[in-house]
């Protein structure tokens, strides 16, 4: 059962088969493949009605992998660093 704090996930645009674009594959990914995958995921995020909630969640739990709220791992770290200093 999903808690009230995670109810936004049911409304996420990334649910379903396109969710594979949000995380790296199990094999070694070339840079151009990663860039294309992340661009696809971010384009889905751009249209998502719960993008803010998603990003807030990823920041709060310090999610180390994938695209969350339209940002990749490095972008979330930069955001945290800016907020801290």
N, C-alpha and C. Protein backbone atom coordinates (compact mmCIF):
# COMPACT_ATOMS: atom_id res chain seq x y z
N UNK A 1 0.84 -1.18 0.00
CA UNK A 1 0.00 0.00 0.00
C UNK A 1 0.88 1.25 0.00
N UNK A 2 0.57 2.18 -0.83
CA UNK A 2 1.33 3.42 -0.98
C UNK A 2 0.92 4.40 0.11
N UNK A 3 1.91 5.04 0.73
CA UNK A 3 1.59 6.04 1.76
C UNK A 3 1.10 7.32 1.09
N UNK A 4 0.44 8.16 1.87
CA UNK A 4 -0.07 9.42 1.34
C UNK A 4 1.06 10.28 0.80
N UNK A 5 2.23 10.18 1.39
CA UNK A 5 3.38 10.95 0.94
C UNK A 5 3.92 10.53 -0.40
N UNK A 6 3.54 9.34 -0.86
CA UNK A 6 4.00 8.83 -2.15
C UNK A 6 2.88 8.74 -3.18
N UNK A 7 1.73 9.30 -2.90
CA UNK A 7 0.58 9.23 -3.80
C UNK A 7 0.87 9.86 -5.15
N UNK A 8 1.77 10.82 -5.20
CA UNK A 8 2.13 11.48 -6.46
C UNK A 8 2.65 10.47 -7.48
N UNK A 9 3.27 9.38 -7.01
CA UNK A 9 3.86 8.41 -7.93
C UNK A 9 2.83 7.79 -8.88
N UNK A 10 1.60 7.66 -8.43
CA UNK A 10 0.55 7.09 -9.27
C UNK A 10 0.22 8.01 -10.44
N UNK A 11 0.55 9.28 -10.34
CA UNK A 11 0.25 10.26 -11.38
C UNK A 11 1.44 10.53 -12.29
N UNK A 12 2.58 9.90 -12.03
CA UNK A 12 3.82 10.18 -12.75
C UNK A 12 3.74 9.76 -14.22
N UNK A 13 4.23 10.62 -15.08
CA UNK A 13 4.23 10.35 -16.52
C UNK A 13 5.19 9.22 -16.89
N UNK A 14 6.11 8.90 -16.02
CA UNK A 14 7.13 7.88 -16.33
C UNK A 14 6.64 6.46 -16.06
N UNK A 15 5.46 6.31 -15.52
CA UNK A 15 4.95 4.96 -15.24
C UNK A 15 4.74 4.20 -16.54
N UNK A 16 5.05 2.93 -16.51
CA UNK A 16 4.85 2.10 -17.69
C UNK A 16 6.15 1.79 -18.41
N UNK A 17 6.05 1.33 -19.66
CA UNK A 17 7.23 0.85 -20.38
C UNK A 17 8.32 1.91 -20.59
N UNK A 18 7.95 3.17 -20.65
CA UNK A 18 8.94 4.22 -20.85
C UNK A 18 9.85 4.42 -19.64
N UNK A 19 9.52 3.78 -18.53
CA UNK A 19 10.33 3.93 -17.32
C UNK A 19 11.76 3.43 -17.51
N UNK A 20 12.00 2.59 -18.48
CA UNK A 20 13.35 2.09 -18.74
C UNK A 20 14.31 3.23 -19.12
N UNK A 21 13.80 4.31 -19.64
CA UNK A 21 14.65 5.44 -20.05
C UNK A 21 15.24 6.17 -18.84
N UNK A 22 14.71 5.93 -17.67
CA UNK A 22 15.11 6.70 -16.49
C UNK A 22 16.33 6.15 -15.76
N UNK A 23 16.71 4.92 -16.08
CA UNK A 23 17.84 4.29 -15.40
C UNK A 23 18.75 3.65 -16.42
N UNK A 24 20.06 3.60 -16.13
CA UNK A 24 20.98 2.98 -17.09
C UNK A 24 20.69 1.49 -17.25
N UNK A 25 21.00 0.97 -18.42
CA UNK A 25 20.79 -0.46 -18.66
C UNK A 25 21.81 -1.29 -17.89
N UNK A 26 21.63 -2.59 -17.88
CA UNK A 26 22.52 -3.50 -17.16
C UNK A 26 23.88 -3.65 -17.87
N UNK A 27 23.95 -3.24 -19.12
CA UNK A 27 25.22 -3.33 -19.87
C UNK A 27 25.89 -1.95 -19.92
N UNK A 28 27.15 -1.94 -20.30
CA UNK A 28 27.89 -0.68 -20.42
C UNK A 28 27.28 0.17 -21.53
N UNK A 29 26.92 1.38 -21.18
CA UNK A 29 26.23 2.29 -22.08
C UNK A 29 27.24 3.30 -22.65
N UNK A 30 27.23 3.47 -23.97
CA UNK A 30 28.09 4.50 -24.58
C UNK A 30 27.55 5.88 -24.21
N UNK A 31 28.42 6.87 -24.25
CA UNK A 31 28.02 8.22 -23.86
C UNK A 31 26.85 8.73 -24.71
N UNK A 32 26.92 8.52 -26.02
CA UNK A 32 25.83 9.00 -26.89
C UNK A 32 24.51 8.30 -26.58
N UNK A 33 24.58 7.03 -26.18
CA UNK A 33 23.37 6.31 -25.79
C UNK A 33 22.80 6.88 -24.50
N UNK A 34 23.68 7.17 -23.53
CA UNK A 34 23.24 7.75 -22.25
C UNK A 34 22.60 9.11 -22.48
N UNK A 35 23.23 9.93 -23.30
CA UNK A 35 22.70 11.27 -23.57
C UNK A 35 21.32 11.17 -24.21
N UNK A 36 21.17 10.28 -25.18
CA UNK A 36 19.87 10.11 -25.85
C UNK A 36 18.81 9.58 -24.88
N UNK A 37 19.19 8.60 -24.03
CA UNK A 37 18.25 8.05 -23.06
C UNK A 37 17.81 9.11 -22.07
N UNK A 38 18.77 9.87 -21.55
CA UNK A 38 18.43 10.92 -20.59
C UNK A 38 17.58 12.02 -21.23
N UNK A 39 17.87 12.35 -22.47
CA UNK A 39 17.07 13.37 -23.17
C UNK A 39 15.62 12.90 -23.31
N UNK A 40 15.45 11.63 -23.64
CA UNK A 40 14.09 11.07 -23.76
C UNK A 40 13.36 11.13 -22.41
N UNK A 41 14.05 10.71 -21.35
CA UNK A 41 13.44 10.72 -20.02
C UNK A 41 13.08 12.15 -19.60
N UNK A 42 14.00 13.08 -19.83
CA UNK A 42 13.76 14.46 -19.43
C UNK A 42 12.61 15.08 -20.21
N UNK A 43 12.42 14.65 -21.46
CA UNK A 43 11.29 15.18 -22.24
C UNK A 43 9.96 14.69 -21.67
N UNK A 44 9.94 13.48 -21.14
CA UNK A 44 8.74 12.97 -20.47
C UNK A 44 8.51 13.75 -19.18
N UNK A 45 9.58 13.97 -18.42
CA UNK A 45 9.49 14.75 -17.17
C UNK A 45 8.93 16.16 -17.42
N UNK A 46 9.35 16.75 -18.51
CA UNK A 46 8.95 18.13 -18.81
C UNK A 46 7.43 18.28 -18.89
N UNK A 47 6.74 17.21 -19.24
CA UNK A 47 5.28 17.24 -19.37
C UNK A 47 4.56 16.70 -18.14
N UNK A 48 5.31 16.25 -17.15
CA UNK A 48 4.73 15.55 -16.00
C UNK A 48 4.13 16.51 -14.98
N UNK A 49 2.95 16.18 -14.49
CA UNK A 49 2.25 17.05 -13.53
C UNK A 49 2.79 16.92 -12.11
N UNK A 50 3.62 15.89 -11.85
CA UNK A 50 4.17 15.70 -10.51
C UNK A 50 5.70 15.82 -10.50
N UNK A 51 6.23 16.54 -11.46
CA UNK A 51 7.68 16.69 -11.58
C UNK A 51 8.30 17.26 -10.30
N UNK A 52 7.69 18.27 -9.72
CA UNK A 52 8.23 18.90 -8.51
C UNK A 52 8.25 17.92 -7.35
N UNK A 53 7.16 17.18 -7.16
CA UNK A 53 7.09 16.21 -6.08
C UNK A 53 8.15 15.12 -6.26
N UNK A 54 8.36 14.71 -7.50
CA UNK A 54 9.34 13.68 -7.83
C UNK A 54 10.75 14.17 -7.49
N UNK A 55 11.08 15.37 -7.91
CA UNK A 55 12.41 15.91 -7.62
C UNK A 55 12.60 16.09 -6.12
N UNK A 56 11.59 16.61 -5.45
CA UNK A 56 11.68 16.78 -4.00
C UNK A 56 11.94 15.45 -3.31
N UNK A 57 11.25 14.40 -3.75
CA UNK A 57 11.43 13.07 -3.19
C UNK A 57 12.87 12.58 -3.40
N UNK A 58 13.36 12.69 -4.62
CA UNK A 58 14.71 12.23 -4.93
C UNK A 58 15.77 12.97 -4.12
N UNK A 59 15.57 14.27 -3.94
CA UNK A 59 16.50 15.07 -3.13
C UNK A 59 16.41 14.63 -1.67
N UNK A 60 15.20 14.46 -1.18
CA UNK A 60 15.01 14.10 0.23
C UNK A 60 15.65 12.76 0.59
N UNK A 61 15.51 11.77 -0.30
CA UNK A 61 16.07 10.45 0.00
C UNK A 61 17.50 10.29 -0.54
N UNK A 62 18.01 11.34 -1.18
CA UNK A 62 19.36 11.31 -1.76
C UNK A 62 19.49 10.16 -2.76
N UNK A 63 18.52 10.06 -3.67
CA UNK A 63 18.50 9.01 -4.68
C UNK A 63 19.77 9.09 -5.53
N UNK A 64 20.57 8.00 -5.56
CA UNK A 64 21.85 8.06 -6.27
C UNK A 64 21.78 7.67 -7.75
N UNK A 65 20.64 7.21 -8.23
CA UNK A 65 20.57 6.70 -9.60
C UNK A 65 19.37 7.26 -10.35
N UNK A 66 19.53 7.39 -11.65
CA UNK A 66 18.42 7.68 -12.54
C UNK A 66 18.02 9.14 -12.66
N UNK A 67 17.02 9.34 -13.50
CA UNK A 67 16.42 10.65 -13.74
C UNK A 67 15.22 10.77 -12.82
N UNK A 68 15.18 11.82 -12.04
CA UNK A 68 14.07 12.09 -11.12
C UNK A 68 13.73 13.57 -11.24
N UNK A 69 12.49 13.89 -11.48
CA UNK A 69 12.08 15.28 -11.56
C UNK A 69 12.80 16.05 -12.66
N UNK A 70 13.25 15.34 -13.67
CA UNK A 70 13.92 15.98 -14.80
C UNK A 70 15.41 16.20 -14.63
N UNK A 71 15.98 15.71 -13.54
CA UNK A 71 17.42 15.88 -13.31
C UNK A 71 18.11 14.53 -13.16
N UNK A 72 19.33 14.43 -13.70
CA UNK A 72 20.11 13.21 -13.50
C UNK A 72 20.89 13.30 -12.20
N UNK A 73 21.69 12.29 -11.93
CA UNK A 73 22.42 12.21 -10.66
C UNK A 73 23.31 13.44 -10.44
N UNK A 74 24.10 13.79 -11.45
CA UNK A 74 25.03 14.92 -11.33
C UNK A 74 24.28 16.23 -11.14
N UNK A 75 23.18 16.40 -11.85
CA UNK A 75 22.39 17.64 -11.73
C UNK A 75 21.75 17.76 -10.35
N UNK A 76 21.29 16.63 -9.79
CA UNK A 76 20.74 16.69 -8.42
C UNK A 76 21.82 17.01 -7.41
N UNK A 77 23.02 16.47 -7.60
CA UNK A 77 24.13 16.77 -6.70
C UNK A 77 24.47 18.26 -6.77
N UNK A 78 24.51 18.83 -7.97
CA UNK A 78 24.77 20.27 -8.13
C UNK A 78 23.71 21.09 -7.42
N UNK A 79 22.46 20.68 -7.55
CA UNK A 79 21.37 21.38 -6.88
C UNK A 79 21.54 21.34 -5.36
N UNK A 80 21.88 20.18 -4.83
CA UNK A 80 22.12 20.05 -3.39
C UNK A 80 23.30 20.92 -2.94
N UNK A 81 24.36 20.92 -3.74
CA UNK A 81 25.54 21.73 -3.42
C UNK A 81 25.20 23.21 -3.41
N UNK A 82 24.39 23.67 -4.37
CA UNK A 82 23.98 25.09 -4.41
C UNK A 82 23.13 25.44 -3.20
N UNK A 83 22.24 24.53 -2.82
CA UNK A 83 21.38 24.77 -1.66
C UNK A 83 22.19 24.81 -0.37
N UNK A 84 23.26 24.01 -0.29
CA UNK A 84 24.07 23.93 0.91
C UNK A 84 25.02 25.12 1.06
N UNK A 85 25.41 25.70 -0.05
CA UNK A 85 26.44 26.70 0.10
C UNK A 85 26.22 27.95 -0.58
